[in-house]
Amino acid sequence: MKIAFCYPGQGVQQVGMAEGFVKSGEHYADMISEAAKASGVDMNKLLFEPNEDINITEYTQPALVTACCIITDALLLAGIRPDVTAGLSLGEYCSLYVAGALSFEDAVRLTRLRGRLMSNAVPAGEGTMAAIVGLDAETIESVTDKIDGCWLANFNCPGQIVITGKKEAVHEAMPRLEEAGAKKVVELNVSGPFHSPLLKTAGEELAKELANVELKDLKIPYIPNVTASPVSDKAEIKELLEAQVSNPVKWEQTLYELEKMGVDTIIEVGPGRTIAGFVRKTVPSIKVIGVSTPEDIEKLLEKTAE
C-alpha cells in the first residue's frame, strides 16, 4: 500500500474525540497536558466535558489539532506510517506534525492564535460562507466576479465549492447561483469569511509568530492547500501557512495529486468522515479508512495482517 494520512478541517469537532486513547496510556494524557500549556486552555475540559467553547473557532482549532495529533501518535506507535500527508485547512497543521516539520506544542499554540486571528479579522456578523452544489468553478466565478466582496473559498470535490466573503455579497450571490443551475445553495454556520482576502491581515499577523517557530526537515512530503503540489523543503512552509488563511483551499486538486503520486489508501485521521465523502466523489479508486478510536486501529492492524 501507498498510504496518505489526511486530516479534516474545522466542523468535525466533537466532545469526547480521542478520549479512548487518553484513557489507554500515559503518553496521550501527557499530550493533553502539553496542549493545555501550549494553548492556555483547559484541554481536558474542552475535549471531554460538555461545553459550548469547542465550537468557538479559537478553541475548536487547538482542540481538533490536539485530538488528531494524539490519534496520529497512536497510529505511528502501531507501526502504521504514511508516505505522504495532507490536511484540509486547519488539518494542514496536523499534516506538518506527522511529516515531522512542526512540533506538537507549536501546532497547538499556532492554531489557538490562528483561530483567534481569523475570528477577529472581520467584525462578527459581517462575513459568511455558502456551499454551492452542482456547479463548476467557472460558472460560479462568472457570478462572483461581478459581485464585490465575494470569492471562491474551498474546492472540495467535483460539484461542491464553497464561496466566502462579505455577508451581503454572499447573500447576493446565492440566488444568482441558484438561477445559474446550482442543485443546492446552503449558507454555512461559520463565524467569518474564512479563506477570503478579508483575512489577509490575519495571515500577516500569524506570519509574525511563524517567524519565531523552528521548523524541522520534512520526513515525508506534504501537500499544502494553497498550491496542491507536494512540498519537501521546509523553507516553503511558513509562507504557505500565511497564504492559506486568505486563499482558497484546493482540496479537490490535492486528491488528484495524491492519486497521481500512486496513493491507493487514505487514512482519515480524526472524527467525522468528511474526507471520505470528498474522496468518493473525486478519486473513487482510492480506499479511505477512518481512524478515530483505538478500536479503529485494531481493525486496521487486523486487515493489514491478512
Protein backbone atom coordinates (compact mmCIF):
# COMPACT_ATOMS: atom_id res chain seq x y z
CA MET A 1 0.00 0.00 0.00
CA LYS A 2 1.00 3.60 -0.56
CA ILE A 3 -0.60 5.45 2.33
CA ALA A 4 -1.56 9.09 2.84
CA PHE A 5 -2.60 10.41 6.23
CA CYS A 6 -5.29 13.07 5.63
CA TYR A 7 -6.72 15.38 8.26
CA PRO A 8 -10.13 17.09 8.43
CA GLY A 9 -10.80 20.77 8.99
CA GLN A 10 -12.96 22.69 11.38
CA GLY A 11 -16.54 21.45 11.63
CA VAL A 12 -15.97 17.80 12.58
CA GLN A 13 -15.05 18.54 16.20
CA GLN A 14 -16.97 16.80 18.96
CA VAL A 15 -16.74 16.41 22.71
CA GLY A 16 -15.03 13.12 23.52
CA MET A 17 -12.73 12.95 20.49
CA ALA A 18 -9.53 10.97 21.22
CA GLU A 19 -10.80 10.15 24.73
CA GLY A 20 -10.26 6.42 24.25
CA PHE A 21 -6.57 6.99 23.58
CA VAL A 22 -6.12 9.30 26.56
CA LYS A 23 -7.66 6.69 28.84
CA SER A 24 -5.41 3.98 27.41
CA GLY A 25 -1.97 5.41 28.06
CA GLU A 26 0.13 7.92 29.95
CA HIS A 27 1.73 9.25 26.75
CA TYR A 28 -1.60 10.60 25.50
CA ALA A 29 -2.54 12.08 28.87
CA ASP A 30 0.80 13.88 28.80
CA MET A 31 -0.07 15.25 25.36
CA ILE A 32 -3.25 16.73 26.82
CA SER A 33 -1.16 18.46 29.50
CA GLU A 34 1.29 19.73 26.84
CA ALA A 35 -1.61 21.04 24.75
CA ALA A 36 -3.11 22.84 27.74
CA LYS A 37 0.21 24.51 28.48
CA ALA A 38 0.81 25.46 24.83
CA SER A 39 -2.67 26.87 24.23
CA GLY A 40 -3.54 28.29 27.63
CA VAL A 41 -6.77 26.29 27.50
CA ASP A 42 -8.04 23.60 29.89
CA MET A 43 -7.83 20.89 27.24
CA ASN A 44 -9.29 18.12 29.40
CA LYS A 45 -12.42 20.20 29.99
CA LEU A 46 -12.61 21.35 26.35
CA LEU A 47 -12.23 17.86 24.89
CA PHE A 48 -14.03 15.66 27.38
CA GLU A 49 -16.70 17.67 29.24
CA PRO A 50 -19.92 19.04 27.70
CA ASN A 51 -19.25 22.65 26.69
CA GLU A 52 -20.00 25.26 24.03
CA ASP A 53 -16.43 26.51 23.66
CA ILE A 54 -15.47 23.56 21.48
CA ASN A 55 -17.47 25.17 18.64
CA ILE A 56 -15.83 28.60 19.02
CA THR A 57 -13.09 28.94 16.40
CA GLU A 58 -10.19 29.91 18.66
CA TYR A 59 -10.88 26.84 20.84
CA THR A 60 -12.03 24.49 18.10
CA GLN A 61 -8.75 24.75 16.25
CA PRO A 62 -6.32 23.73 19.04
CA ALA A 63 -8.80 21.13 20.32
CA LEU A 64 -9.12 19.37 16.95
CA VAL A 65 -5.37 19.54 16.33
CA THR A 66 -4.72 18.04 19.78
CA ALA A 67 -7.11 15.16 19.14
CA CYS A 68 -5.79 14.44 15.65
CA CYS A 69 -2.15 14.52 16.77
CA ILE A 70 -2.95 12.07 19.60
CA ILE A 71 -4.54 9.69 17.09
CA THR A 72 -1.54 10.19 14.80
CA ASP A 73 0.86 9.15 17.55
CA ALA A 74 -1.25 6.05 18.19
CA LEU A 75 -1.06 5.10 14.50
CA LEU A 76 2.71 5.63 14.41
CA LEU A 77 3.21 3.61 17.60
CA ALA A 78 1.19 0.82 15.99
CA GLY A 79 3.65 0.84 13.08
CA ILE A 80 1.29 2.47 10.57
CA ARG A 81 3.17 5.21 8.73
CA PRO A 82 2.26 7.47 5.80
CA ASP A 83 4.20 8.01 2.58
CA VAL A 84 2.66 11.46 2.11
CA THR A 85 0.23 13.68 4.01
CA ALA A 86 -2.29 16.46 3.52
CA GLY A 87 -4.81 18.33 5.64
CA LEU A 88 -7.98 20.23 4.87
CA SER A 89 -7.48 23.84 6.01
CA LEU A 90 -6.81 23.52 9.76
CA GLY A 91 -5.79 19.91 9.09
CA GLU A 92 -2.65 21.17 7.35
CA TYR A 93 -1.10 21.75 10.78
CA CYS A 94 -1.61 18.08 11.65
CA SER A 95 -0.07 17.04 8.34
CA LEU A 96 3.00 19.13 9.19
CA TYR A 97 3.15 17.39 12.57
CA VAL A 98 3.14 13.89 11.11
CA ALA A 99 5.62 14.99 8.45
CA GLY A 100 7.99 15.98 11.26
CA ALA A 101 8.25 19.68 10.39
CA LEU A 102 6.14 21.09 13.23
CA SER A 103 6.30 20.12 16.89
CA PHE A 104 3.10 19.19 18.71
CA GLU A 105 3.49 22.17 21.04
CA ASP A 106 3.88 24.60 18.15
CA ALA A 107 0.96 23.08 16.21
CA VAL A 108 -1.37 23.59 19.16
CA ARG A 109 -0.07 27.05 20.05
CA LEU A 110 -0.20 28.31 16.47
CA THR A 111 -3.74 27.06 15.88
CA ARG A 112 -5.03 28.77 19.02
CA LEU A 113 -3.54 32.01 17.67
CA ARG A 114 -4.77 31.26 14.13
CA GLY A 115 -8.31 30.72 15.38
CA ARG A 116 -8.29 33.96 17.33
CA LEU A 117 -6.84 35.97 14.43
CA MET A 118 -9.36 34.50 11.98
CA SER A 119 -12.26 35.28 14.31
CA ASN A 120 -11.14 38.85 14.94
CA ALA A 121 -10.16 39.79 11.37
CA VAL A 122 -13.72 40.72 10.41
CA PRO A 123 -16.35 42.02 12.88
CA ALA A 124 -18.88 39.38 13.91
CA GLY A 125 -21.82 39.14 11.55
CA GLU A 126 -20.13 40.89 8.64
CA GLY A 127 -18.87 37.82 6.81
CA THR A 128 -20.18 34.39 5.87
CA MET A 129 -19.72 31.36 3.60
CA ALA A 130 -22.03 29.19 1.49
CA ALA A 131 -21.73 25.76 -0.10
CA ILE A 132 -22.65 25.51 -3.77
CA VAL A 133 -23.55 22.07 -5.09
CA GLY A 134 -23.86 21.14 -8.75
CA LEU A 135 -21.92 23.92 -10.48
CA ASP A 136 -18.37 24.03 -11.81
CA ALA A 137 -15.83 26.65 -10.75
CA GLU A 138 -16.05 28.60 -13.99
CA THR A 139 -19.80 29.07 -13.68
CA ILE A 140 -19.53 30.11 -10.05
CA GLU A 141 -16.74 32.57 -10.82
CA SER A 142 -18.79 34.07 -13.64
CA VAL A 143 -21.26 35.09 -10.92
CA THR A 144 -18.93 36.00 -8.04
CA ASP A 145 -16.60 38.06 -10.26
CA LYS A 146 -19.45 40.50 -10.77
CA ILE A 147 -20.07 40.91 -7.02
CA ASP A 148 -17.67 42.96 -4.94
CA GLY A 149 -16.61 41.12 -1.78
CA CYS A 150 -17.38 37.54 -2.82
CA TRP A 151 -14.83 34.85 -3.65
CA LEU A 152 -14.34 31.09 -4.04
CA ALA A 153 -13.02 29.56 -0.81
CA ASN A 154 -12.95 25.76 -0.99
CA PHE A 155 -12.70 23.38 -3.93
CA ASN A 156 -13.92 20.35 -2.00
CA CYS A 157 -14.74 17.89 -4.77
CA PRO A 158 -16.31 17.95 -8.25
CA GLY A 159 -19.63 19.79 -7.97
CA GLN A 160 -19.05 21.10 -4.44
CA ILE A 161 -17.46 24.51 -3.98
CA VAL A 162 -17.71 26.95 -1.08
CA ILE A 163 -17.92 30.71 -1.55
CA THR A 164 -16.87 33.27 1.04
CA GLY A 165 -16.91 37.00 1.67
CA LYS A 166 -18.93 39.87 2.99
CA LYS A 167 -22.35 38.72 4.15
CA GLU A 168 -24.31 40.99 1.80
CA ALA A 169 -22.13 39.89 -1.14
CA VAL A 170 -22.57 36.18 -0.42
CA HIS A 171 -26.31 36.71 0.06
CA GLU A 172 -26.43 38.45 -3.30
CA ALA A 173 -24.54 35.59 -4.97
CA MET A 174 -26.68 32.76 -3.55
CA PRO A 175 -29.90 33.33 -5.55
CA ARG A 176 -27.87 34.14 -8.66
CA LEU A 177 -26.11 30.81 -8.38
CA GLU A 178 -29.43 29.05 -7.99
CA GLU A 179 -30.56 30.75 -11.20
CA ALA A 180 -27.32 29.58 -12.84
CA GLY A 181 -28.31 25.98 -12.14
CA ALA A 182 -26.96 25.07 -8.71
CA LYS A 183 -28.66 21.99 -7.25
CA LYS A 184 -28.25 23.31 -3.73
CA VAL A 185 -27.04 26.55 -2.14
CA VAL A 186 -26.58 26.44 1.64
CA GLU A 187 -25.23 29.16 3.91
CA LEU A 188 -22.77 27.66 6.38
CA ASN A 189 -22.85 28.11 10.12
CA VAL A 190 -19.46 29.82 10.40
CA SER A 191 -18.20 32.83 12.31
CA GLY A 192 -16.48 34.59 9.43
CA PRO A 193 -15.47 34.76 5.76
CA PHE A 194 -12.67 32.21 6.00
CA HIS A 195 -10.19 31.76 3.13
CA SER A 196 -11.01 35.16 1.68
CA PRO A 197 -8.84 38.24 1.06
CA LEU A 198 -10.66 39.81 4.03
CA LEU A 199 -8.42 37.65 6.24
CA LYS A 200 -5.13 38.80 4.71
CA THR A 201 -4.24 40.80 7.83
CA ALA A 202 -4.85 37.68 9.95
CA GLY A 203 -2.32 35.81 7.81
CA GLU A 204 0.18 38.64 8.20
CA GLU A 205 -0.21 38.59 11.98
CA LEU A 206 0.19 34.81 12.00
CA ALA A 207 3.37 35.20 9.94
CA LYS A 208 4.91 37.28 12.75
CA GLU A 209 4.54 34.33 15.11
CA LEU A 210 5.61 31.81 12.47
CA ALA A 211 8.87 33.76 12.15
CA ASN A 212 9.73 32.60 15.69
CA VAL A 213 8.96 28.94 15.03
CA GLU A 214 11.76 26.49 14.30
CA LEU A 215 10.75 24.04 11.59
CA LYS A 216 12.49 20.70 11.09
CA ASP A 217 13.16 18.93 7.81
CA LEU A 218 10.17 17.11 6.36
CA LYS A 219 10.39 13.33 6.71
CA ILE A 220 7.71 12.83 4.06
CA PRO A 221 6.16 15.21 1.50
CA TYR A 222 3.07 17.19 2.43
CA ILE A 223 0.59 18.80 0.08
CA PRO A 224 -0.40 22.36 1.06
CA ASN A 225 -3.86 23.78 0.42
CA VAL A 226 -2.65 26.82 -1.48
CA THR A 227 -0.80 25.04 -4.30
CA ALA A 228 -1.93 21.38 -4.13
CA SER A 229 1.64 20.45 -5.11
CA PRO A 230 3.93 18.30 -2.92
CA VAL A 231 6.42 20.14 -0.73
CA SER A 232 9.61 18.59 0.61
CA ASP A 233 11.53 21.76 1.53
CA LYS A 234 10.76 23.27 4.93
CA ALA A 235 11.76 26.71 3.63
CA GLU A 236 8.41 26.98 1.82
CA ILE A 237 6.18 26.14 4.77
CA LYS A 238 5.82 29.45 6.63
CA GLU A 239 4.85 31.40 3.52
CA LEU A 240 2.31 28.72 2.60
CA LEU A 241 0.72 28.80 6.07
CA GLU A 242 0.44 32.58 5.93
CA ALA A 243 -1.18 32.46 2.48
CA GLN A 244 -3.52 29.62 3.45
CA VAL A 245 -5.54 31.87 5.78
CA SER A 246 -6.76 34.13 2.95
CA ASN A 247 -6.54 31.89 -0.13
CA PRO A 248 -8.78 29.11 -1.48
CA VAL A 249 -8.37 25.53 -0.24
CA LYS A 250 -7.57 23.33 -3.25
CA TRP A 251 -8.71 20.05 -1.75
CA GLU A 252 -10.11 18.50 -4.93
CA GLN A 253 -6.79 19.23 -6.66
CA THR A 254 -4.94 17.75 -3.65
CA LEU A 255 -6.82 14.48 -4.03
CA TYR A 256 -5.94 14.32 -7.72
CA GLU A 257 -2.30 14.89 -6.78
CA LEU A 258 -2.39 12.04 -4.26
CA GLU A 259 -3.80 9.77 -6.96
CA LYS A 260 -1.04 10.90 -9.34
CA MET A 261 1.56 10.05 -6.68
CA GLY A 262 0.26 6.49 -6.56
CA VAL A 263 -1.59 6.66 -3.24
CA ASP A 264 -4.07 3.79 -3.00
CA THR A 265 -5.08 4.17 0.67
CA ILE A 266 -6.02 7.28 2.62
CA ILE A 267 -6.25 7.09 6.39
CA GLU A 268 -8.64 9.80 7.54
CA VAL A 269 -7.26 10.71 10.94
CA GLY A 270 -9.80 12.18 13.35
CA PRO A 271 -13.56 12.44 13.87
CA GLY A 272 -16.11 12.61 11.08
CA ARG A 273 -15.93 11.24 7.56
CA THR A 274 -15.79 14.46 5.55
CA ILE A 275 -12.68 13.45 3.64
CA ALA A 276 -14.10 10.03 2.76
CA GLY A 277 -17.06 11.75 1.10
CA PHE A 278 -14.82 14.03 -0.94
CA VAL A 279 -12.58 11.11 -1.99
CA ARG A 280 -15.58 9.08 -3.13
CA LYS A 281 -16.67 11.90 -5.44
CA THR A 282 -13.17 12.78 -6.68
CA VAL A 283 -10.85 9.74 -6.76
CA PRO A 284 -13.10 6.75 -6.01
CA SER A 285 -10.31 4.27 -6.76
CA ILE A 286 -8.54 5.33 -3.53
CA LYS A 287 -9.64 3.43 -0.43
CA VAL A 288 -10.38 5.50 2.69
CA ILE A 289 -10.07 4.12 6.22
CA GLY A 290 -11.32 6.29 9.06
CA VAL A 291 -9.43 6.18 12.35
CA SER A 292 -10.77 7.99 15.41
CA THR A 293 -10.71 5.33 18.17
CA PRO A 294 -8.33 2.64 19.48
CA GLU A 295 -10.76 0.05 18.07
CA ASP A 296 -10.31 1.54 14.59
CA ILE A 297 -6.56 0.97 14.83
CA GLU A 298 -7.09 -2.62 15.99
CA LYS A 299 -9.32 -3.28 12.97
CA LEU A 300 -6.77 -1.67 10.68
CA LEU A 301 -3.98 -3.87 12.05
CA GLU A 302 -6.15 -6.95 11.56
CA LYS A 303 -6.74 -6.01 7.91
CA THR A 304 -3.06 -5.36 7.21
CA ALA A 305 -2.15 -8.71 8.82
CA GLU A 306 -4.46 -10.63 6.47
